[in-house]
Protein backbone atom coordinates (compact mmCIF):
# COMPACT_ATOMS: atom_id res chain seq x y z
CA MET A 1 -0.19 -0.09 -0.11
CA GLU A 2 2.79 2.45 0.92
CA LYS A 3 4.19 1.78 -2.44
CA VAL A 4 1.17 2.66 -4.50
CA ALA A 5 0.67 5.88 -2.41
CA ALA A 6 4.38 6.70 -3.14
CA VAL A 7 3.50 6.21 -6.87
CA GLY A 8 0.60 8.39 -6.52
CA LEU A 9 2.59 11.28 -5.01
CA VAL A 10 5.00 10.97 -7.70
CA ALA A 11 2.62 10.80 -10.60
CA VAL A 12 0.85 13.85 -9.15
CA ALA A 13 4.48 15.51 -9.03
CA LEU A 14 4.60 14.50 -12.81
CA LEU A 15 1.42 15.55 -14.00
CA ASN A 16 2.48 19.29 -12.71
CA THR A 17 4.84 19.42 -15.36
CA ALA A 18 2.25 18.58 -18.15
CA ALA A 19 0.31 22.00 -17.29
CA TYR A 20 3.03 23.45 -19.02
CA ALA A 21 2.67 24.74 -22.67
CA HIS A 22 4.85 26.50 -24.71
CA PRO A 23 7.87 26.80 -23.95
CA PRO A 24 7.61 24.95 -20.74
CA PHE A 25 8.82 25.51 -16.69
CA GLY A 26 8.49 29.11 -16.83
CA LEU A 27 10.91 29.59 -19.60
CA SER A 28 10.67 31.59 -22.84
CA TRP A 29 11.61 30.12 -26.35
CA SER A 30 14.73 32.55 -27.70
CA SER A 31 16.26 33.64 -24.22
CA THR A 32 19.96 33.01 -23.61
CA PRO A 33 21.53 31.45 -20.63
CA ASP A 34 22.56 35.04 -19.76
CA GLN A 35 18.56 36.22 -19.33
CA ILE A 36 17.62 32.32 -17.74
CA ALA A 37 20.33 33.32 -15.13
CA GLN A 38 19.25 36.60 -14.32
CA GLU A 39 16.06 34.77 -13.30
CA GLY A 40 18.31 33.05 -10.59
CA VAL A 41 18.59 29.84 -12.29
CA ALA A 42 21.42 27.87 -11.35
CA MET A 43 23.19 26.31 -14.28
CA SER A 44 26.69 24.75 -15.85
CA HIS A 45 27.14 24.37 -19.04
CA ASN A 46 27.73 20.89 -20.61
CA THR A 47 28.77 20.58 -23.92
CA SER A 48 28.21 22.68 -27.51
CA THR A 49 28.29 20.50 -30.61
CA HIS A 50 27.61 22.06 -34.04
CA GLY A 51 26.19 25.58 -32.18
CA VAL A 52 24.21 23.89 -29.71
CA HIS A 53 25.20 24.84 -26.45
CA VAL A 54 23.50 22.44 -23.93
CA TYR A 55 23.28 23.75 -19.93
CA GLY A 56 22.38 21.70 -16.80
CA ALA A 57 20.00 23.01 -13.96
CA ARG A 58 18.37 21.33 -10.92
CA LYS A 59 15.63 24.00 -10.56
CA LEU A 60 13.90 26.00 -13.19
CA PRO A 61 11.58 29.04 -12.10
CA SER A 62 8.32 26.40 -12.77
CA GLY A 63 9.88 23.39 -12.69
CA THR A 64 8.44 19.99 -11.32
CA SER A 65 9.36 18.39 -7.59
CA ASN A 66 9.81 15.05 -8.88
CA ALA A 67 12.61 16.40 -11.52
CA GLY A 68 15.66 15.10 -10.97
CA SER A 69 17.39 17.49 -13.39
CA TYR A 70 16.77 19.78 -16.62
CA SER A 71 18.29 20.16 -19.85
CA MET A 72 18.19 23.42 -22.18
CA PHE A 73 19.34 23.79 -25.28
CA PHE A 74 20.44 27.19 -26.96
CA GLY A 75 21.67 27.91 -30.49
CA ASP A 76 24.36 30.24 -30.97
CA ARG A 77 22.11 33.04 -32.71
CA ASP A 78 18.72 31.39 -31.33
CA GLY A 79 18.74 31.28 -27.63
CA LEU A 80 16.60 28.30 -25.97
CA HIS A 81 15.06 26.08 -28.49
CA ARG A 82 14.54 22.70 -26.08
CA VAL A 83 13.93 21.88 -22.61
CA MET A 84 14.19 18.48 -20.88
CA MET A 85 13.07 17.36 -17.91
CA ILE A 86 14.53 14.06 -16.40
CA SER A 87 12.74 12.56 -13.46
CA LYS A 88 14.17 11.21 -10.35
CA PRO A 89 15.35 7.81 -10.63
CA ILE A 90 12.51 4.69 -10.68
CA SER A 91 14.10 2.00 -8.59
CA GLY A 92 13.24 -1.48 -7.65
CA ASP A 93 10.83 -2.01 -10.36
CA ALA A 94 11.90 -4.82 -12.11
CA THR A 95 9.00 -5.44 -14.64
CA GLY A 96 8.26 -1.75 -15.17
CA GLU A 97 5.10 -1.92 -13.65
CA ILE A 98 5.65 1.55 -11.64
CA GLY A 99 7.52 3.54 -14.39
CA ARG A 100 4.62 2.22 -16.65
CA HIS A 101 2.29 3.77 -14.20
CA GLN A 102 3.56 7.42 -14.07
CA TYR A 103 4.28 7.18 -17.77
CA ASP A 104 0.40 6.34 -18.48
CA LEU A 105 -0.43 9.36 -16.06
CA MET A 106 1.80 11.74 -17.87
CA LYS A 107 0.53 10.64 -21.19
CA ILE A 108 -3.32 11.25 -19.94
CA SER A 109 -2.32 14.07 -18.54
CA LEU A 110 -0.38 15.39 -21.82
CA THR A 111 -3.62 14.00 -24.09
CA ARG A 112 -6.03 16.22 -22.54
CA GLN A 113 -3.88 19.23 -22.84
CA HIS A 114 -2.43 18.67 -26.25
CA GLY A 115 -5.20 15.92 -27.91
CA VAL A 116 -4.24 12.81 -29.40
CA PRO A 117 -0.73 12.14 -29.74
CA VAL A 118 0.76 11.88 -33.06
CA HIS A 119 3.41 8.92 -32.71
CA VAL A 120 2.81 5.79 -29.86
CA ALA A 121 5.67 3.90 -29.77
CA GLU A 122 5.05 1.30 -26.53
CA LEU A 123 6.53 -2.24 -27.03
CA ALA A 124 9.39 -4.22 -25.57
CA GLY A 125 10.95 -7.56 -26.85
CA VAL A 126 10.69 -6.49 -30.40
CA THR A 127 13.95 -7.74 -31.90
CA TYR A 128 14.55 -9.86 -28.46
CA ASP A 129 12.88 -12.61 -26.28
CA ILE A 130 12.92 -10.92 -23.03
CA ASP A 131 11.74 -12.47 -19.25
CA PRO A 132 9.41 -9.87 -17.82
CA GLU A 133 12.12 -8.66 -14.97
CA GLU A 134 14.14 -7.78 -18.37
CA PHE A 135 11.76 -4.31 -19.01
CA TYR A 136 14.08 -1.74 -18.58
CA SER A 137 17.26 -3.28 -20.13
CA CYS A 138 15.17 -3.89 -23.20
CA LEU A 139 14.32 0.06 -23.29
CA SER A 140 18.20 0.76 -22.62
CA LEU A 141 19.03 -1.67 -26.05
CA ARG A 142 18.64 -0.31 -29.52
CA GLY A 143 15.86 -2.06 -31.39
CA CYS A 144 14.99 -3.95 -28.25
CA GLY A 145 12.03 -1.50 -27.05
CA SER A 146 11.02 1.90 -26.99
CA TRP A 147 8.17 3.41 -24.86
CA THR A 148 7.63 6.90 -26.21
CA THR A 149 4.41 9.05 -27.42
CA ILE A 150 5.18 12.65 -29.26
CA PHE A 151 2.20 15.16 -29.38
CA ARG A 152 2.06 18.15 -31.08
CA GLY A 153 2.73 21.60 -29.16
CA ASP A 154 0.21 24.52 -29.02
CA ASP A 155 1.83 26.18 -31.79
CA PRO A 156 2.80 24.55 -35.66
CA GLY A 157 6.00 22.73 -35.45
CA GLU A 158 6.17 22.65 -31.52
CA TYR A 159 6.76 18.90 -30.01
CA ILE A 160 6.31 17.56 -26.89
CA GLN A 161 7.92 13.88 -26.44
CA LEU A 162 7.01 11.79 -23.37
CA SER A 163 9.34 8.54 -22.80
CA LEU A 164 10.13 6.06 -20.25
CA ASN A 165 13.77 4.89 -20.26
CA GLY A 166 15.92 2.33 -19.39
CA THR A 167 19.17 2.27 -17.65
CA SER A 168 19.54 -1.33 -15.60
CA MET A 169 17.37 -4.36 -14.89
CA ASP A 170 15.21 -2.68 -12.43
CA ARG A 171 16.24 1.20 -12.91
CA GLY A 172 14.46 3.62 -14.91
CA TYR A 173 13.35 7.25 -15.33
CA ILE A 174 10.77 9.59 -17.57
CA SER A 175 11.98 12.00 -19.67
CA ILE A 176 9.98 15.09 -21.41
CA SER A 177 11.39 17.22 -24.09
CA TYR A 178 9.54 20.05 -25.28
CA GLU A 179 10.93 21.41 -28.62
CA SER A 180 10.34 25.10 -30.19
CA PRO A 181 9.19 25.32 -33.84
CA ASP A 182 12.56 26.23 -34.64
CA TRP A 183 14.32 23.31 -32.84
CA GLU A 184 15.02 20.97 -36.15
CA ALA A 185 16.66 23.98 -37.86
CA VAL A 186 18.38 24.76 -34.74
CA ALA A 187 19.83 21.26 -34.04
CA TYR A 188 21.19 20.99 -37.73
CA GLY A 189 22.66 24.07 -38.19
CA MET A 190 19.94 25.56 -40.61
CA ARG A 191 19.58 28.81 -38.63
């Protein structure tokens, strides 16, 4: 019973993330790292590649209590165009029951907000014969499984991706990625 109550609390915390349309977590598309830092966000520069700079933060202005971390993706000239929330780890969940429950609650919330998903891939053991307790391991292997739903955002070209990800035999996490309408052009250096 305690485990179910804990899952419910985590799911409510995750549901709060779905309340943000474009952009999420109190941020503004095209903001620069300096502008976001002026809002009181403590962030660190993680990496840069092909004109995209990735910064990490533990908290954002309107973040969620279940977030383990956030990644923000900035274009050289274009500012913020992608934000990803990584949940706190889900552990002791060999069959993925807790993670799938949290994922399903998020999917329901995002469906209410953004309508029917444009893509759903919820399968495990596609090219491998897996045991039920290998759920997260399968999600971490290319070609074995995927637990992802993609929604259109409020603006044309804006996308939201909800994913359940595996890290080891009984561990995983949920990620929610918000992409601005210009993200693809920024990511591929076309802007």
